[in-house]
Amino acid sequence: MTKLIAGNWKMFKGPAETLAFFDGFEAPDGVDVVLCPPFVSLEAAVGEEWPIYAQSVHWAADGAFTGEISAQMLVEIGVAGALVGHSERRQLFGETDDTVRRRAEAALEAGLGVIACVGETETEREAGETEAVLRRQVAVIPKHERLVIAYEPVWAIGTGKTATPQMAQDAHALIKSLHETRVLYGGSVKPDNAAELLSQPAVDGALVGGASLDPDSFAAICRAAASLS
């Protein structure tokens, strides 16, 4: 199966920096690539060679939801999909399992692809609750051919910590037993650890944060994925 590498730029790169990134980025054959710029840079990125996803999407088609963006708006400008449920959305902005479900369903109904994020906190892992948390979070995610799940242990997001390959394999195997879809690993993926993580049999790709901001770094991760596909 072809590996999928998605780059989540978070709140980095306005339109000019986005265009500069694409001027310097080349991905190899044999890997699927998705980029997730911030909302203001989506239009600059659309039309490039790779699918462009938003970093979130609202469940309503329109309405009094200041600061939100609907799936229909994304479709209108040529966006191909959206992330939902990223750990930063859950931790900082009150995202819940129910709102993740509603966002995913709305995006899929509008024809968008979805990368739905799940993962445990450090406290939950230390308490032995990883399996229970993943079961709860995965249970609400709709099954659809355009939906992919990203496992991102919250304790490894932006911390420099990374799950061991065996930790990633175990979590991905559990998720796949609950939901038949591709599962990406997210959590401090870098060029120097990508091959080892991506070589695990249940790991179908990666959701890359900081290392996706540099075109050379992101390309190196894509090459590691292509070599294993």
Protein backbone atom coordinates (compact mmCIF):
# COMPACT_ATOMS: atom_id res chain seq x y z
CA MET A 1 0.00 0.00 0.00
CA THR A 2 1.24 3.49 -0.85
CA LYS A 3 2.19 5.47 2.25
CA LEU A 4 0.42 8.77 2.93
CA ILE A 5 2.45 11.68 4.32
CA ALA A 6 0.45 14.71 5.50
CA GLY A 7 2.07 17.96 6.58
CA ASN A 8 0.22 20.01 9.21
CA TRP A 9 1.61 23.55 9.20
CA LYS A 10 -0.47 24.70 12.18
CA MET A 11 -0.31 28.53 12.54
CA PHE A 12 2.73 28.98 10.29
CA LYS A 13 3.20 30.23 6.71
CA GLY A 14 1.09 32.96 5.20
CA PRO A 15 0.39 32.96 1.45
CA ALA A 16 3.84 34.22 0.41
CA GLU A 17 5.68 31.65 2.53
CA THR A 18 3.33 28.97 1.23
CA LEU A 19 4.24 29.71 -2.37
CA ALA A 20 7.93 29.77 -1.45
CA PHE A 21 7.58 26.32 0.14
CA PHE A 22 6.13 24.84 -3.02
CA ASP A 23 8.88 26.41 -5.10
CA GLY A 24 11.38 24.36 -3.09
CA PHE A 25 9.44 21.13 -2.50
CA GLU A 26 9.68 18.00 -4.62
CA ALA A 27 8.12 14.71 -3.59
CA PRO A 28 9.24 11.37 -5.03
CA ASP A 29 6.98 8.98 -6.88
CA GLY A 30 5.45 6.21 -4.80
CA VAL A 31 4.04 8.31 -1.96
CA ASP A 32 0.75 10.16 -1.41
CA VAL A 33 1.24 13.70 -0.11
CA VAL A 34 -1.23 16.07 1.57
CA LEU A 35 -0.47 19.59 2.86
CA CYS A 36 -2.53 21.40 5.51
CA PRO A 37 -1.78 25.15 5.50
CA PRO A 38 -3.60 27.68 7.70
CA PHE A 39 -6.91 29.03 6.38
CA VAL A 40 -5.43 32.24 4.91
CA SER A 41 -2.99 30.23 2.78
CA LEU A 42 -5.41 27.66 1.37
CA GLU A 43 -6.14 29.53 -1.85
CA ALA A 44 -2.42 30.11 -2.47
CA ALA A 45 -1.78 26.38 -2.08
CA VAL A 46 -4.73 25.08 -4.10
CA GLY A 47 -3.66 24.35 -7.65
CA GLU A 48 -0.31 22.93 -6.64
CA GLU A 49 0.43 19.31 -7.47
CA TRP A 50 -0.70 17.92 -4.12
CA PRO A 51 -4.08 17.78 -2.35
CA ILE A 52 -4.63 20.62 0.09
CA TYR A 53 -6.51 20.06 3.34
CA ALA A 54 -7.80 22.61 5.86
CA GLN A 55 -6.84 22.23 9.51
CA SER A 56 -10.45 22.10 10.70
CA VAL A 57 -13.99 22.42 9.33
CA HIS A 58 -17.35 23.27 10.88
CA TRP A 59 -20.35 20.96 10.82
CA ALA A 60 -22.87 23.60 9.72
CA ALA A 61 -23.25 24.79 6.13
CA ASP A 62 -23.53 28.39 7.32
CA GLY A 63 -24.67 30.37 10.34
CA ALA A 64 -23.58 32.53 13.26
CA PHE A 65 -20.31 30.71 13.96
CA THR A 66 -17.71 33.45 14.11
CA GLY A 67 -14.25 32.23 13.15
CA GLU A 68 -15.43 28.93 11.67
CA ILE A 69 -15.31 27.71 8.05
CA SER A 70 -17.86 25.39 6.43
CA ALA A 71 -17.15 22.39 4.25
CA GLN A 72 -18.98 24.06 1.36
CA MET A 73 -16.67 27.07 1.56
CA LEU A 74 -13.65 24.79 1.38
CA VAL A 75 -15.07 22.94 -1.61
CA GLU A 76 -15.73 26.25 -3.39
CA ILE A 77 -12.06 27.24 -3.32
CA GLY A 78 -10.82 23.82 -4.34
CA VAL A 79 -9.71 22.40 -1.00
CA ALA A 80 -9.66 18.59 -1.04
CA GLY A 81 -10.20 17.76 2.63
CA ALA A 82 -9.74 18.67 6.28
CA LEU A 83 -8.12 17.56 9.50
CA VAL A 84 -10.53 17.05 12.40
CA GLY A 85 -9.88 16.45 16.07
CA HIS A 86 -6.20 17.38 16.23
CA SER A 87 -4.97 17.19 19.81
CA GLU A 88 -4.36 20.94 19.90
CA ARG A 89 -8.00 21.50 18.91
CA ARG A 90 -9.07 19.12 21.66
CA GLN A 91 -6.80 20.56 24.35
CA LEU A 92 -6.90 24.28 23.55
CA PHE A 93 -10.26 24.86 21.89
CA GLY A 94 -12.68 22.48 23.57
CA GLU A 95 -13.00 19.90 20.80
CA THR A 96 -14.88 16.80 21.94
CA ASP A 97 -15.46 13.34 20.51
CA ASP A 98 -18.94 14.50 19.47
CA THR A 99 -17.76 17.62 17.65
CA VAL A 100 -15.05 15.57 15.93
CA ARG A 101 -17.78 13.23 14.68
CA ARG A 102 -19.96 16.12 13.49
CA ARG A 103 -17.09 17.83 11.67
CA ALA A 104 -16.05 14.59 9.98
CA GLU A 105 -19.59 13.76 8.88
CA ALA A 106 -20.15 17.24 7.43
CA ALA A 107 -16.86 17.19 5.54
CA LEU A 108 -17.50 13.73 4.09
CA GLU A 109 -21.05 14.65 3.08
CA ALA A 110 -19.67 17.66 1.20
CA GLY A 111 -17.25 15.44 -0.73
CA LEU A 112 -14.09 16.26 1.21
CA GLY A 113 -11.47 13.84 2.48
CA VAL A 114 -10.90 13.68 6.23
CA ILE A 115 -7.94 12.92 8.47
CA ALA A 116 -9.41 12.32 11.93
CA CYS A 117 -6.95 12.49 14.82
CA VAL A 118 -7.00 10.35 17.96
CA GLY A 119 -4.54 9.82 20.78
CA GLU A 120 -3.95 9.66 24.51
CA THR A 121 -2.34 12.17 26.86
CA GLU A 122 0.73 11.32 28.91
CA THR A 123 -1.42 11.06 32.05
CA GLU A 124 -3.76 8.63 30.32
CA ARG A 125 -0.87 6.49 29.06
CA GLU A 126 0.77 6.37 32.50
CA ALA A 127 -2.59 5.33 34.00
CA GLY A 128 -2.87 2.44 31.54
CA GLU A 129 -5.83 4.03 29.77
CA THR A 130 -4.45 4.19 26.22
CA GLU A 131 -6.64 1.39 24.86
CA ALA A 132 -9.80 2.75 26.49
CA VAL A 133 -9.15 6.25 25.16
CA LEU A 134 -8.51 5.02 21.63
CA ARG A 135 -11.60 2.80 21.68
CA ARG A 136 -13.74 5.74 22.80
CA GLN A 137 -12.33 8.18 20.26
CA VAL A 138 -12.38 5.78 17.31
CA ALA A 139 -15.94 4.61 18.05
CA VAL A 140 -17.47 7.93 16.96
CA ILE A 141 -15.48 8.32 13.74
CA PRO A 142 -17.57 7.52 10.65
CA LYS A 143 -16.43 4.80 8.27
CA HIS A 144 -15.86 6.10 4.75
CA GLU A 145 -13.48 5.51 1.85
CA ARG A 146 -12.29 9.13 2.06
CA LEU A 147 -11.52 8.98 5.79
CA VAL A 148 -8.09 8.31 7.28
CA ILE A 149 -7.23 8.16 11.00
CA ALA A 150 -4.08 9.69 12.47
CA TYR A 151 -2.80 8.32 15.77
CA GLU A 152 -1.01 11.13 17.59
CA PRO A 153 0.00 10.43 21.17
CA VAL A 154 -0.57 13.85 22.73
CA TRP A 155 2.60 13.59 24.81
CA ALA A 156 4.63 13.42 21.58
CA ILE A 157 3.11 16.46 19.85
CA GLY A 158 5.67 19.25 19.63
CA THR A 159 7.63 17.88 22.59
CA GLY A 160 10.43 16.11 20.78
CA LYS A 161 9.27 12.87 22.38
CA THR A 162 8.35 10.06 20.00
CA ALA A 163 6.53 6.81 20.56
CA THR A 164 8.78 3.81 20.10
CA PRO A 165 8.12 1.89 16.88
CA GLN A 166 6.52 -0.87 18.97
CA MET A 167 4.23 1.62 20.76
CA ALA A 168 3.16 2.99 17.39
CA GLN A 169 2.61 -0.50 15.98
CA ASP A 170 0.49 -1.57 18.96
CA ALA A 171 -1.71 1.53 18.83
CA HIS A 172 -2.14 1.32 15.06
CA ALA A 173 -3.02 -2.37 15.23
CA LEU A 174 -5.70 -1.61 17.82
CA ILE A 175 -7.17 1.20 15.72
CA LYS A 176 -7.21 -0.99 12.61
CA SER A 177 -9.08 -3.68 14.57
CA LEU A 178 -11.77 -1.07 15.29
CA HIS A 179 -11.87 0.84 12.01
CA GLU A 180 -10.87 -0.47 8.59
CA THR A 181 -8.86 2.44 7.20
CA ARG A 182 -5.36 3.76 6.69
CA VAL A 183 -3.79 4.89 9.96
CA LEU A 184 -1.04 7.53 10.09
CA TYR A 185 1.42 8.11 12.94
CA GLY A 186 1.78 11.67 14.21
CA GLY A 187 4.14 12.78 16.94
CA SER A 188 7.55 14.39 16.33
CA VAL A 189 8.14 12.58 13.03
CA LYS A 190 11.47 13.69 11.56
CA PRO A 191 13.74 12.56 8.70
CA ASP A 192 15.94 10.61 11.12
CA ASN A 193 13.12 8.52 12.66
CA ALA A 194 10.64 8.34 9.77
CA ALA A 195 11.89 5.12 8.18
CA GLU A 196 11.85 3.17 11.44
CA LEU A 197 8.34 4.31 12.34
CA LEU A 198 6.95 3.89 8.82
CA SER A 199 8.40 0.39 8.51
CA GLN A 200 5.98 -0.94 11.15
CA PRO A 201 3.38 -3.12 9.40
CA ALA A 202 0.32 -1.28 10.75
CA VAL A 203 1.70 2.23 10.09
CA ASP A 204 0.35 3.51 6.77
CA GLY A 205 1.98 6.93 6.78
CA ALA A 206 2.60 9.98 8.93
CA LEU A 207 1.02 13.23 10.02
CA VAL A 208 4.03 15.54 10.25
CA GLY A 209 4.10 18.79 12.20
CA GLY A 210 7.24 20.91 12.56
CA ALA A 211 9.32 18.87 10.12
CA SER A 212 6.78 19.62 7.36
CA LEU A 213 7.57 23.35 7.44
CA ASP A 214 10.92 22.93 5.68
CA PRO A 215 10.63 21.61 2.10
CA ASP A 216 13.86 19.62 2.30
CA SER A 217 12.96 18.01 5.63
CA PHE A 218 9.46 17.13 4.44
CA ALA A 219 10.80 15.76 1.17
CA ALA A 220 13.22 13.53 3.10
CA ILE A 221 10.31 12.04 5.05
CA CYS A 222 8.41 11.51 1.80
CA ARG A 223 11.42 9.71 0.32
CA ALA A 224 11.60 7.43 3.38
CA ALA A 225 7.91 6.61 2.87
CA ALA A 226 8.32 6.00 -0.85
CA SER A 227 11.13 3.53 -0.20
CA LEU A 228 8.79 1.43 1.94
CA SER A 229 5.63 1.57 -0.19
